[in-house]
Protein backbone atom coordinates (compact mmCIF):
# COMPACT_ATOMS: atom_id res chain seq x y z
CA MET A 1 0.00 0.05 -0.01
CA SER A 2 1.02 3.60 -0.35
CA SER A 3 1.81 3.69 3.15
CA ASN A 4 4.95 1.72 2.52
CA ALA A 5 7.72 4.13 1.76
CA PRO A 6 6.77 5.56 -1.62
CA LEU A 7 8.63 4.00 -4.45
CA PRO A 8 10.92 6.55 -6.15
CA GLU A 9 10.83 4.90 -9.60
CA PRO A 10 8.06 3.29 -11.58
CA ILE A 11 8.11 -0.41 -12.42
CA ARG A 12 10.70 -1.52 -14.81
CA LEU A 13 11.11 -4.69 -16.83
CA VAL A 14 14.72 -5.22 -15.77
CA GLY A 15 16.43 -6.32 -12.53
CA SER A 16 15.76 -9.25 -10.23
CA ARG A 17 13.65 -6.92 -7.98
CA TRP A 18 10.91 -6.85 -10.61
CA ARG A 19 10.99 -10.56 -11.83
CA VAL A 20 7.74 -11.15 -10.12
CA TRP A 21 6.23 -8.31 -12.14
CA LEU A 22 7.63 -9.70 -15.42
CA VAL A 23 5.98 -13.05 -14.62
CA ALA A 24 2.78 -11.28 -13.78
CA LEU A 25 2.88 -9.47 -17.09
CA VAL A 26 3.44 -12.59 -19.10
CA VAL A 27 0.45 -14.21 -17.28
CA ALA A 28 -1.51 -11.04 -17.82
CA LEU A 29 -0.88 -10.78 -21.51
CA LEU A 30 -1.92 -14.41 -21.96
CA GLY A 31 -5.07 -14.07 -19.79
CA PRO A 32 -7.78 -11.59 -19.09
CA VAL A 33 -5.68 -9.13 -17.04
CA ALA A 34 -3.68 -6.53 -18.87
CA CYS A 35 -0.95 -5.09 -16.72
CA VAL A 36 1.00 -2.06 -17.92
CA GLN A 37 4.70 -1.18 -17.57
CA GLU A 38 6.86 2.03 -17.78
CA VAL A 39 7.88 3.49 -21.12
CA HIS A 40 11.67 2.90 -21.54
CA LYS A 41 12.56 4.70 -24.80
CA THR A 42 11.23 7.25 -27.20
CA ASP A 43 11.84 7.71 -30.90
CA ASP A 44 12.98 10.90 -32.45
CA ASP A 45 9.43 12.34 -32.28
CA GLY A 46 9.02 11.47 -28.67
CA ASP A 47 6.78 8.38 -29.34
CA VAL A 48 7.03 5.33 -27.00
CA ASP A 49 8.40 1.86 -27.67
CA ARG A 50 6.04 -0.11 -25.48
CA LYS A 51 2.27 0.08 -25.48
CA VAL A 52 -0.38 -2.15 -24.02
CA SER A 53 -4.04 -1.75 -25.02
CA ALA A 54 -5.83 -0.27 -21.91
CA PRO A 55 -8.70 -2.35 -20.68
CA GLU A 56 -12.07 -0.76 -20.18
CA LEU A 57 -12.97 0.67 -16.75
CA GLU A 58 -15.34 -2.04 -15.85
CA GLY A 59 -16.30 -3.47 -12.51
CA GLY A 60 -16.89 -0.24 -10.50
CA VAL A 61 -19.98 0.09 -8.35
CA GLY A 62 -20.66 3.77 -9.03
CA TRP A 63 -19.33 6.96 -10.50
CA LEU A 64 -18.85 10.39 -8.82
CA ASN A 65 -18.01 13.90 -10.12
CA THR A 66 -19.65 13.00 -13.43
CA ALA A 67 -23.17 12.59 -14.71
CA GLY A 68 -22.73 8.93 -15.54
CA PRO A 69 -20.17 6.07 -16.12
CA LEU A 70 -17.23 6.92 -18.36
CA LYS A 71 -15.83 4.54 -20.93
CA LEU A 72 -12.28 4.82 -22.31
CA LYS A 73 -13.63 4.45 -25.87
CA ASP A 74 -15.66 7.59 -25.33
CA LEU A 75 -12.45 9.43 -24.29
CA ARG A 76 -10.47 8.55 -27.43
CA GLY A 77 -8.46 11.49 -28.53
CA LYS A 78 -7.64 12.51 -24.94
CA PHE A 79 -4.84 11.46 -22.76
CA VAL A 80 -6.29 9.71 -19.69
CA LEU A 81 -4.45 9.53 -16.46
CA LEU A 82 -5.76 6.89 -14.05
CA ASP A 83 -5.11 7.57 -10.32
CA PHE A 84 -5.48 4.47 -8.18
CA TRP A 85 -6.11 5.79 -4.73
CA THR A 86 -7.90 5.38 -1.46
CA PHE A 87 -8.90 8.46 0.65
CA CYS A 88 -7.31 7.26 3.93
CA CYS A 89 -3.79 7.27 2.38
CA ILE A 90 -1.45 10.18 3.05
CA ASN A 91 0.64 9.33 -0.11
CA CYS A 92 -2.58 9.49 -2.18
CA LEU A 93 -3.44 12.89 -0.62
CA HIS A 94 0.09 14.19 -1.53
CA THR A 95 -0.62 13.08 -5.08
CA LEU A 96 -3.78 15.19 -5.47
CA PRO A 97 -2.01 18.58 -5.79
CA ASP A 98 0.12 17.09 -8.64
CA LEU A 99 -2.97 15.92 -10.45
CA ALA A 100 -4.56 19.39 -9.98
CA LYS A 101 -1.52 21.00 -11.52
CA LEU A 102 -1.56 18.60 -14.49
CA GLU A 103 -5.31 19.24 -15.06
CA LYS A 104 -4.64 22.98 -15.05
CA LYS A 105 -1.76 22.80 -17.39
CA TYR A 106 -3.22 20.24 -19.80
CA GLY A 107 -6.89 20.99 -19.39
CA ASP A 108 -7.67 20.63 -23.15
CA GLN A 109 -5.61 17.47 -23.68
CA LEU A 110 -5.91 15.46 -20.42
CA VAL A 111 -8.65 13.77 -18.42
CA VAL A 112 -7.83 12.56 -14.96
CA VAL A 113 -9.94 9.61 -13.63
CA GLY A 114 -9.68 8.60 -10.00
CA VAL A 115 -10.04 4.89 -9.49
CA HIS A 116 -10.93 4.62 -5.77
CA SER A 117 -9.87 1.13 -4.65
CA ALA A 118 -10.58 1.07 -0.83
CA LYS A 119 -8.49 -0.23 1.92
CA PHE A 120 -10.96 0.20 4.74
CA GLU A 121 -14.55 -1.06 4.67
CA ASN A 122 -15.80 2.51 5.35
CA GLU A 123 -14.12 3.69 2.13
CA LYS A 124 -16.13 1.30 -0.06
CA ASP A 125 -19.29 3.39 0.37
CA SER A 126 -19.95 5.74 -2.50
CA ASP A 127 -21.31 8.56 -0.29
CA ASN A 128 -18.26 8.47 1.88
CA ILE A 129 -16.10 8.75 -1.30
CA ARG A 130 -18.20 11.69 -2.39
CA LYS A 131 -17.52 13.33 0.95
CA ALA A 132 -13.75 12.80 0.47
CA ILE A 133 -13.98 14.32 -2.99
CA LEU A 134 -15.50 17.43 -1.49
CA ARG A 135 -13.15 17.50 1.48
CA TYR A 136 -10.02 17.33 -0.78
CA GLU A 137 -11.57 19.51 -3.50
CA ILE A 138 -11.17 17.03 -6.30
CA SER A 139 -12.38 18.20 -9.72
CA HIS A 140 -12.15 15.06 -11.83
CA PRO A 141 -14.34 11.96 -12.19
CA VAL A 142 -13.94 9.17 -9.70
CA VAL A 143 -15.09 5.51 -10.04
CA ASN A 144 -15.80 3.54 -6.90
CA ASP A 145 -13.75 0.41 -7.43
CA ALA A 146 -15.13 -1.17 -4.21
CA HIS A 147 -14.37 -4.80 -5.21
CA MET A 148 -10.95 -3.75 -6.75
CA ARG A 149 -11.87 -5.29 -10.07
CA ILE A 150 -10.35 -2.38 -12.07
CA TRP A 151 -7.31 -2.48 -9.78
CA ARG A 152 -6.79 -6.24 -10.48
CA THR A 153 -7.27 -5.68 -14.22
CA TYR A 154 -4.57 -3.01 -14.33
CA LEU A 155 -2.26 -3.84 -11.49
CA GLY A 156 -2.78 -7.54 -10.72
CA ARG A 157 -2.28 -8.40 -7.05
CA GLU A 158 0.93 -6.55 -6.55
CA GLY A 159 -0.26 -2.95 -6.83
CA SER A 160 0.18 -0.16 -4.24
CA TRP A 161 -1.48 3.19 -3.35
CA PRO A 162 -1.11 5.50 -5.20
CA THR A 163 -0.40 4.26 -8.69
CA LEU A 164 -0.78 6.33 -11.84
CA VAL A 165 -1.37 4.87 -15.34
CA LEU A 166 -1.21 7.09 -18.43
CA ILE A 167 -3.22 6.18 -21.49
CA ASP A 168 -2.69 7.81 -24.81
CA PRO A 169 -5.30 9.20 -27.20
CA GLU A 170 -5.31 5.92 -29.15
CA GLY A 171 -6.17 3.87 -26.03
CA ASN A 172 -2.76 2.53 -25.22
CA ALA A 173 -1.48 2.34 -21.64
CA VAL A 174 1.98 3.80 -22.08
CA TRP A 175 3.32 4.43 -18.54
CA LEU A 176 2.83 3.27 -14.94
CA GLY A 177 4.26 4.94 -11.82
CA GLN A 178 3.95 4.07 -8.22
CA GLY A 179 4.16 6.23 -5.16
CA GLU A 180 3.91 10.02 -4.80
CA GLY A 181 6.12 12.56 -6.46
CA ASN A 182 5.65 11.66 -10.16
CA TYR A 183 4.51 15.12 -11.42
CA GLU A 184 7.75 15.75 -13.44
CA LYS A 185 7.68 12.36 -15.04
CA VAL A 186 4.06 12.75 -16.19
CA ASP A 187 4.64 16.36 -17.20
CA ASP A 188 7.66 15.51 -19.38
CA LEU A 189 5.85 12.59 -20.91
CA LEU A 190 2.74 14.54 -21.82
CA THR A 191 4.81 17.37 -23.28
CA ARG A 192 6.48 15.03 -25.67
CA LEU A 193 3.52 12.78 -26.53
CA ILE A 194 1.23 15.73 -27.17
CA LYS A 195 3.50 16.74 -30.01
CA VAL A 196 3.29 13.18 -31.43
CA HIS A 197 -0.46 13.03 -31.32
CA ARG A 198 -0.90 16.55 -32.77
CA LYS A 199 1.31 15.51 -35.67
CA ARG A 200 -0.81 12.35 -36.13
CA LYS A 201 -4.01 14.35 -35.77
CA THR A 202 -5.20 11.86 -33.12
CA LEU A 203 -5.52 14.43 -30.28
CA ASN A 204 -8.84 15.92 -29.35
CA GLU A 205 -8.27 19.33 -27.72
CA LYS A 206 -11.84 20.29 -27.08
CA PRO A 207 -12.48 20.79 -23.34
CA ILE A 208 -14.77 18.34 -21.37
CA LYS A 209 -16.84 19.46 -18.44
CA PHE A 210 -18.04 17.18 -15.68
CA GLU A 211 -20.79 17.38 -13.18
CA LEU A 212 -18.90 18.02 -9.94
CA ALA A 213 -19.99 16.82 -6.50
CA ARG A 214 -19.59 20.16 -4.83
CA PHE A 215 -22.57 21.57 -6.62
CA SER A 216 -24.86 19.04 -4.89
CA GLU A 217 -23.60 19.27 -1.26
CA ASN A 218 -25.86 20.82 1.38
CA GLY A 219 -24.64 24.19 2.39
CA SER A 220 -26.71 24.70 5.53
CA SER A 221 -23.70 24.81 7.90
CA PRO A 222 -21.17 27.61 8.09
CA LEU A 223 -18.49 24.87 8.54
CA PHE A 224 -17.11 22.63 5.78
CA PHE A 225 -15.39 19.43 6.99
CA PRO A 226 -14.09 20.70 10.35
CA GLY A 227 -11.08 18.38 11.03
CA LYS A 228 -10.26 19.24 14.64
CA VAL A 229 -11.50 21.08 17.59
CA LEU A 230 -9.77 22.58 20.70
CA ALA A 231 -11.68 23.54 23.86
CA ASP A 232 -10.04 25.72 26.58
CA ALA A 233 -11.86 25.82 29.89
CA ALA A 234 -9.65 28.58 31.39
CA SER A 235 -10.39 31.15 28.73
CA LYS A 236 -13.86 29.72 27.84
CA ARG A 237 -12.88 29.57 24.19
CA LEU A 238 -13.42 27.05 21.41
CA PHE A 239 -11.11 26.77 18.40
CA ILE A 240 -12.41 25.06 15.30
CA ALA A 241 -10.25 24.01 12.34
CA ASP A 242 -12.82 24.66 9.57
CA SER A 243 -10.47 22.66 7.31
CA THR A 244 -12.00 22.80 3.85
CA HIS A 245 -12.94 26.45 4.36
CA HIS A 246 -9.17 26.88 5.06
CA ARG A 247 -9.74 28.94 8.20
CA ILE A 248 -9.79 28.89 12.05
CA VAL A 249 -13.10 29.79 13.68
CA ILE A 250 -12.94 31.04 17.30
CA THR A 251 -16.03 31.10 19.49
CA ASP A 252 -16.93 30.91 23.17
CA LEU A 253 -17.83 27.45 24.56
CA ASP A 254 -21.41 28.09 23.68
CA GLY A 255 -20.65 28.82 19.99
CA LYS A 256 -20.74 32.70 19.98
CA LYS A 257 -18.27 34.10 17.43
CA ILE A 258 -15.11 35.76 18.78
CA ALA A 259 -13.02 35.91 15.63
CA VAL A 260 -12.19 34.17 12.40
CA ALA A 261 -8.65 33.69 11.09
CA GLY A 262 -8.30 33.15 7.33
CA THR A 263 -10.06 34.49 4.22
CA GLY A 264 -11.51 31.12 3.26
CA GLU A 265 -9.24 30.88 0.28
CA ALA A 266 -6.45 28.22 0.26
CA GLY A 267 -2.94 29.60 0.39
CA LEU A 268 0.04 30.35 2.58
CA LYS A 269 -0.05 33.94 3.70
CA ASP A 270 0.76 35.57 6.99
CA GLY A 271 -0.73 38.83 8.33
CA SER A 272 -3.90 39.94 10.03
CA PHE A 273 -6.71 37.44 10.58
CA ASP A 274 -8.76 38.99 7.76
CA LYS A 275 -5.81 38.68 5.32
CA ALA A 276 -4.14 35.37 6.32
CA ARG A 277 -4.52 32.11 4.35
CA PHE A 278 -4.33 28.50 5.36
CA ASN A 279 -4.54 25.26 3.47
CA ASP A 280 -6.49 22.47 5.15
CA PRO A 281 -5.68 23.39 8.76
CA GLN A 282 -6.00 20.55 11.21
CA GLY A 283 -4.80 20.10 14.84
CA MET A 284 -4.26 23.00 17.29
CA ALA A 285 -2.56 23.66 20.56
CA LEU A 286 -2.91 26.69 22.87
CA LYS A 287 -0.25 28.30 25.06
CA GLY A 288 -1.34 31.54 26.68
CA GLU A 289 -2.57 33.84 23.96
CA THR A 290 -0.85 31.95 21.10
CA LEU A 291 -2.71 29.31 19.15
CA TYR A 292 -0.55 26.91 17.17
CA VAL A 293 -2.10 25.39 13.97
CA ALA A 294 -0.98 22.36 12.00
CA ASP A 295 -1.38 23.81 8.50
CA ARG A 296 -1.59 20.36 6.92
CA LYS A 297 -1.44 20.99 3.14
CA ASN A 298 1.06 23.83 3.58
CA HIS A 299 3.34 21.45 5.43
CA ALA A 300 3.68 24.13 8.06
CA ILE A 301 3.03 25.24 11.62
CA ARG A 302 1.37 28.65 12.08
CA ALA A 303 1.16 30.74 15.18
CA LEU A 304 -1.94 32.97 15.85
CA ASP A 305 -1.53 35.85 18.17
CA LEU A 306 -5.03 35.98 19.70
CA LYS A 307 -4.63 39.44 21.16
CA LYS A 308 -3.15 41.20 18.09
CA GLN A 309 -5.08 38.90 15.73
CA GLY A 310 -2.15 38.13 13.48
CA VAL A 311 -0.83 34.98 11.90
CA ARG A 312 2.86 34.03 11.28
CA LEU A 313 4.76 31.01 10.06
CA ILE A 314 6.95 29.33 12.66
CA ALA A 315 7.88 26.03 11.12
CA GLY A 316 8.12 24.63 7.58
CA ASN A 317 8.90 26.40 4.38
CA GLY A 318 5.66 25.74 2.50
CA GLU A 319 7.02 22.66 0.65
CA GLN A 320 6.66 19.02 1.44
CA GLY A 321 9.87 17.85 3.09
CA GLN A 322 11.82 14.70 2.64
CA ASP A 323 14.22 14.86 5.65
CA ARG A 324 12.95 12.52 8.33
CA GLN A 325 15.57 13.59 10.86
CA GLY A 326 15.09 17.40 11.16
CA GLY A 327 17.22 19.30 13.48
CA GLY A 328 17.88 23.13 13.40
CA ASP A 329 15.91 26.12 12.37
CA ALA A 330 12.35 25.06 12.07
CA LEU A 331 11.70 27.66 9.27
CA LYS A 332 14.38 26.03 7.15
CA ILE A 333 13.10 22.45 7.58
CA GLY A 334 10.59 20.85 5.29
CA LEU A 335 7.62 19.34 7.23
CA ASN A 336 5.36 16.61 5.84
CA SER A 337 1.57 16.78 6.45
CA PRO A 338 1.55 17.81 10.13
CA TRP A 339 -1.92 16.65 11.41
CA ASP A 340 -2.13 17.37 15.06
CA LEU A 341 -0.31 19.24 17.86
CA PHE A 342 0.08 19.11 21.62
CA VAL A 343 1.98 21.62 23.73
CA SER A 344 3.81 21.05 26.98
CA GLY A 345 5.80 23.92 28.40
CA ASN A 346 8.06 25.03 25.48
CA ASP A 347 7.70 21.72 23.72
CA LEU A 348 5.33 21.45 20.76
CA TYR A 349 4.69 17.89 19.73
CA ILE A 350 3.70 17.25 16.15
CA ALA A 351 1.90 14.34 14.62
CA MET A 352 3.83 14.18 11.38
CA ALA A 353 1.45 12.06 9.32
CA GLY A 354 3.42 12.31 6.11
CA TYR A 355 6.61 11.14 7.82
CA HIS A 356 4.98 8.49 10.00
CA GLN A 357 6.80 10.05 12.95
CA ILE A 358 6.20 12.23 16.03
CA TRP A 359 8.30 15.46 15.99
CA LYS A 360 9.06 17.97 18.68
CA MET A 361 9.62 21.68 18.30
CA ASP A 362 11.40 23.78 20.97
CA LEU A 363 9.30 26.94 20.90
CA GLY A 364 11.98 28.99 22.70
CA LYS A 365 14.74 28.10 20.21
CA GLY A 366 12.56 27.77 17.13
CA GLU A 367 14.08 24.43 16.31
CA ALA A 368 12.36 21.17 15.29
CA GLU A 369 13.42 17.56 15.01
CA ARG A 370 12.24 14.00 15.01
CA TYR A 371 11.15 12.74 18.46
CA ALA A 372 9.84 9.19 17.76
CA GLY A 373 9.54 6.89 14.83
CA ARG A 374 12.05 5.68 12.15
CA GLY A 375 9.82 6.97 9.27
CA LEU A 376 8.69 3.62 7.85
CA GLU A 377 5.02 3.05 7.97
CA ASN A 378 4.01 0.23 10.23
CA ILE A 379 3.53 -0.63 13.82
CA HIS A 380 6.50 -1.46 16.08
CA ASP A 381 7.16 -0.74 19.68
CA GLY A 382 10.49 -0.14 21.27
CA PRO A 383 12.96 2.87 21.80
CA LEU A 384 11.70 6.19 20.59
CA THR A 385 13.79 6.43 17.48
CA ARG A 386 13.46 2.69 16.63
CA SER A 387 9.70 2.58 16.82
CA LEU A 388 7.32 2.66 13.85
CA PHE A 389 4.12 4.55 13.29
CA ALA A 390 1.56 4.69 10.50
CA GLN A 391 0.23 8.10 9.72
CA PRO A 392 -0.22 9.49 13.25
CA SER A 393 -3.08 11.95 13.18
CA GLY A 394 -4.19 12.72 16.68
CA LEU A 395 -2.43 13.65 19.98
CA ALA A 396 -3.48 13.92 23.63
CA SER A 397 -1.67 13.59 27.05
CA ASP A 398 -2.29 12.80 30.67
CA GLY A 399 0.72 14.93 31.62
CA THR A 400 3.36 12.26 31.27
CA THR A 401 2.39 10.12 28.29
CA LEU A 402 1.58 11.31 24.78
CA TYR A 403 -1.21 9.24 23.34
CA VAL A 404 -1.23 8.97 19.54
CA ALA A 405 -4.04 8.05 17.23
CA ASP A 406 -2.08 6.00 14.70
CA SER A 407 -4.58 6.00 11.94
CA GLU A 408 -3.35 3.55 9.22
CA VAL A 409 -2.84 0.73 11.77
CA SER A 410 -6.14 1.67 13.43
CA GLY A 411 -4.10 1.93 16.69
CA ILE A 412 -3.52 3.94 19.87
CA ARG A 413 0.10 4.31 20.88
CA ALA A 414 1.69 5.56 24.10
CA VAL A 415 4.82 7.70 23.90
CA PRO A 416 6.84 8.80 26.91
CA MET A 417 7.28 12.52 27.07
CA ASP A 418 10.52 12.62 29.13
CA GLY A 419 12.68 11.40 26.19
CA LYS A 420 13.28 8.06 27.86
CA GLY A 421 11.51 4.73 27.87
CA GLU A 422 9.77 3.04 24.93
CA VAL A 423 6.85 3.41 22.64
CA LYS A 424 4.10 1.07 23.53
CA THR A 425 0.96 -0.08 21.67
CA ILE A 426 -2.31 0.04 23.59
CA VAL A 427 -4.55 -0.97 20.64
CA GLY A 428 -3.51 -1.98 17.19
CA GLU A 429 -2.21 -5.02 15.35
CA GLY A 430 -1.15 -3.99 11.86
CA LEU A 431 -1.81 -2.13 8.64
CA PHE A 432 -4.66 -4.43 7.60
CA GLU A 433 -6.05 -5.38 10.99
CA PHE A 434 -9.11 -3.24 11.59
CA GLY A 435 -12.79 -3.58 12.50
CA ASP A 436 -15.24 -2.56 15.22
CA ASN A 437 -14.67 -4.70 18.23
CA ASP A 438 -14.74 -3.83 21.87
CA GLY A 439 -12.79 -5.92 24.40
CA THR A 440 -9.25 -6.22 25.73
CA GLY A 441 -5.83 -6.40 24.09
CA ASP A 442 -5.63 -8.04 20.72
CA GLN A 443 -9.46 -8.42 20.62
CA VAL A 444 -9.86 -4.75 20.09
CA ARG A 445 -10.34 -3.35 16.61
CA LEU A 446 -10.77 0.22 15.55
CA GLN A 447 -11.14 1.64 12.00
CA HIS A 448 -8.80 4.50 11.12
CA ALA A 449 -9.03 6.47 14.33
CA LEU A 450 -8.05 10.15 13.86
CA GLY A 451 -8.61 11.79 17.29
CA VAL A 452 -7.85 11.28 20.97
CA ALA A 453 -8.64 13.26 24.14
CA TRP A 454 -7.70 12.77 27.77
CA ALA A 455 -10.73 13.60 30.05
CA GLU A 456 -11.65 12.70 33.56
CA GLY A 457 -9.02 10.06 33.83
CA LYS A 458 -10.08 8.25 30.59
CA LEU A 459 -8.81 8.22 27.06
CA PHE A 460 -11.61 9.02 24.57
CA VAL A 461 -11.04 8.01 20.98
CA ALA A 462 -12.62 9.33 17.69
CA ASP A 463 -12.99 5.94 15.93
CA THR A 464 -13.40 7.84 12.73
CA TYR A 465 -14.37 5.26 10.11
CA ASN A 466 -16.73 3.50 12.53
CA SER A 467 -18.34 6.95 13.37
CA LYS A 468 -18.09 6.20 17.04
CA ILE A 469 -16.53 7.56 20.21
CA LYS A 470 -14.87 4.95 22.28
CA VAL A 471 -13.23 4.86 25.70
CA ILE A 472 -9.89 3.16 26.22
CA ASP A 473 -8.13 2.25 29.52
CA PRO A 474 -4.46 2.49 28.66
CA ASP A 475 -3.34 0.23 31.57
CA LYS A 476 -5.91 -2.55 31.00
CA LYS A 477 -5.75 -2.15 27.24
CA SER A 478 -9.56 -2.26 27.18
CA CYS A 479 -11.81 -0.57 24.78
CA LYS A 480 -15.60 0.08 25.05
CA THR A 481 -17.95 1.99 22.69
CA TYR A 482 -19.13 5.08 24.39
CA LEU A 483 -21.51 6.59 21.82
CA GLY A 484 -22.29 6.37 18.11
CA GLY A 485 -22.94 3.89 15.39
CA GLU A 486 -26.75 3.78 15.63
CA PRO A 487 -29.20 6.41 14.41
CA ASP A 488 -30.33 8.91 17.01
CA GLY A 489 -34.01 8.14 16.93
CA TRP A 490 -36.42 7.27 14.14
CA LEU A 491 -36.21 10.54 12.29
CA ALA A 492 -32.61 11.56 12.99
CA GLY A 493 -29.39 10.39 11.39
CA PRO A 494 -26.40 8.80 13.06
CA LEU A 495 -24.86 10.59 16.01
CA PHE A 496 -21.59 11.02 14.21
CA SER A 497 -20.22 10.97 10.64
CA GLU A 498 -16.49 10.31 10.48
CA PRO A 499 -15.51 12.36 13.58
CA GLY A 500 -11.97 13.51 13.29
CA GLY A 501 -11.16 15.40 16.40
CA LEU A 502 -11.97 15.53 20.18
CA SER A 503 -11.40 18.06 23.01
CA TYR A 504 -12.57 18.37 26.61
CA ALA A 505 -13.60 21.27 28.79
CA ASN A 506 -15.93 21.67 31.84
CA GLY A 507 -17.46 18.23 31.75
CA LYS A 508 -18.17 18.28 28.08
CA LEU A 509 -16.49 16.60 25.08
CA TYR A 510 -16.36 18.60 21.87
CA VAL A 511 -16.40 16.50 18.67
CA ALA A 512 -15.36 17.68 15.25
CA ASP A 513 -18.05 15.70 13.33
CA THR A 514 -16.19 16.13 10.08
CA ASN A 515 -18.50 14.76 7.43
CA ALA A 516 -21.59 16.33 8.95
CA HIS A 517 -20.01 19.86 8.96
CA ARG A 518 -20.72 20.47 12.65
CA ILE A 519 -19.35 20.34 16.16
CA ARG A 520 -21.16 17.96 18.47
CA VAL A 521 -21.11 18.45 22.33
CA VAL A 522 -21.30 15.44 24.57
CA ASP A 523 -22.24 15.89 28.28
CA LEU A 524 -20.07 13.23 29.91
CA LYS A 525 -22.42 12.93 32.98
CA THR A 526 -25.55 12.31 30.99
CA LYS A 527 -24.25 11.21 27.56
CA LYS A 528 -26.65 13.77 26.04
CA VAL A 529 -25.39 14.81 22.56
CA SER A 530 -26.22 18.19 21.03
CA THR A 531 -24.96 20.19 18.08
CA LEU A 532 -23.14 23.40 18.87
CA ASN A 533 -25.25 26.43 17.93
CA LEU A 534 -22.81 28.67 16.06
CA GLN A 535 -23.82 32.29 16.50
CA GLY A 536 -22.44 35.05 14.21
CA VAL A 537 -20.41 32.58 12.09
CA ASP A 538 -21.01 32.66 8.33
CA ALA A 539 -19.47 30.65 5.57
CA PRO A 540 -16.67 32.50 3.63
CA LYS A 541 -17.76 34.42 0.58
CA GLY A 542 -18.11 32.24 -2.48
CA TYR A 543 -19.26 29.10 -0.67
């Protein structure tokens, strides 16, 4: 899966490393499966020396972002770039900006088609995919390959997330690339092949428009896919990461507006609250009158001065980093999809989802470095720098232990905060071990948990893909469903819809109910659930 370290080079037909792929290709060409391989050479005109007829996109259970099913034969004359992805996968999310750049640059020559081949059960549902399309602002057609039939047709049983396949205007699959970071390869190939097909007069450069999902979503809430929430009892404030509106909403604990930081337009811009820009902000941490924000898609940490109402960059350079060690000036280090934050004194802990690590920033010195995790995606306990995480996405603490929602292994991990000791697993068995089971120890199964909160001596977990809140006892390694899963009455919908963040204040648990575009409030004494009544908060202009 993608969450292995991304492969830097696409598959080649040489070298013992890929013999299994060569065998698979031979079998495929003799049978019903048509695998594709990388282009190796081009002729003087830029044409390719290896082509495989691309199979039709058959076997999906539904199409999104388009009025109906698409067939490759109807797209003859266009380049088609297939993106095999799944919406839980950080590598897949890193590929989306590359696809958007290609779509913008080659809008008259290229059609991108997402082939959503799910990892988690929750991801097989077309409506959940539609929500992901909206959340990540995807503007191309997507087919729900719930049974992985298109995947097997193109990739056999050895594929990984993400994988890109380029099909030329004559219907030939001419290139396959695995992992993230393939923009330059595809860009170069398209530049050369467009010239070839213009010369042949096989290229159709008339634009195609699709029926996008964003035009059918209910806009009744002023929030749009809020990813995280932070409640502060001392100042009686609530901070909401209004993620797909690219802003931070600040209210009192009853929902009355105090301020909004961010214009609502994606970008990386410091300045006053009304001029600043974020890009998919997620987790937050508060120290005095400074709010720290994990600006996920900007690969940055921002600091909000709540008194002066200003925003400034304090970590990251706006580009996705590749250095898994860090060390030194935080503004000169590339971060990689920071998803959540926790502050203790001058130490800011960062759930670095893209690196599969926990980082720590010294706020006094302005320096950041790896704290825990080797950087390979998996689950492994042991000394801090030898442990393995898998897309950590949520942080909380009881004062001595940092609890981590380790989403891709559907786990909860415990990390000592004194720099000593070892990382331990409370819940979680592996990358493909997930479900919805209460119990103790290895009986417990979660499904892509994104959020944690320490409250009243208990660890609450946003079991995101099960749309439940669960309670975990770290010492007993026990797990029990607290709320969620069932509809709230005959006429109401489910209590939660993919909750992504939790926070506690004054006996209440605040829940970022991401896919329902709302903040839910749970009274821990009565278990009564209500929706926060936002007062004076409007959606940004243009939404």
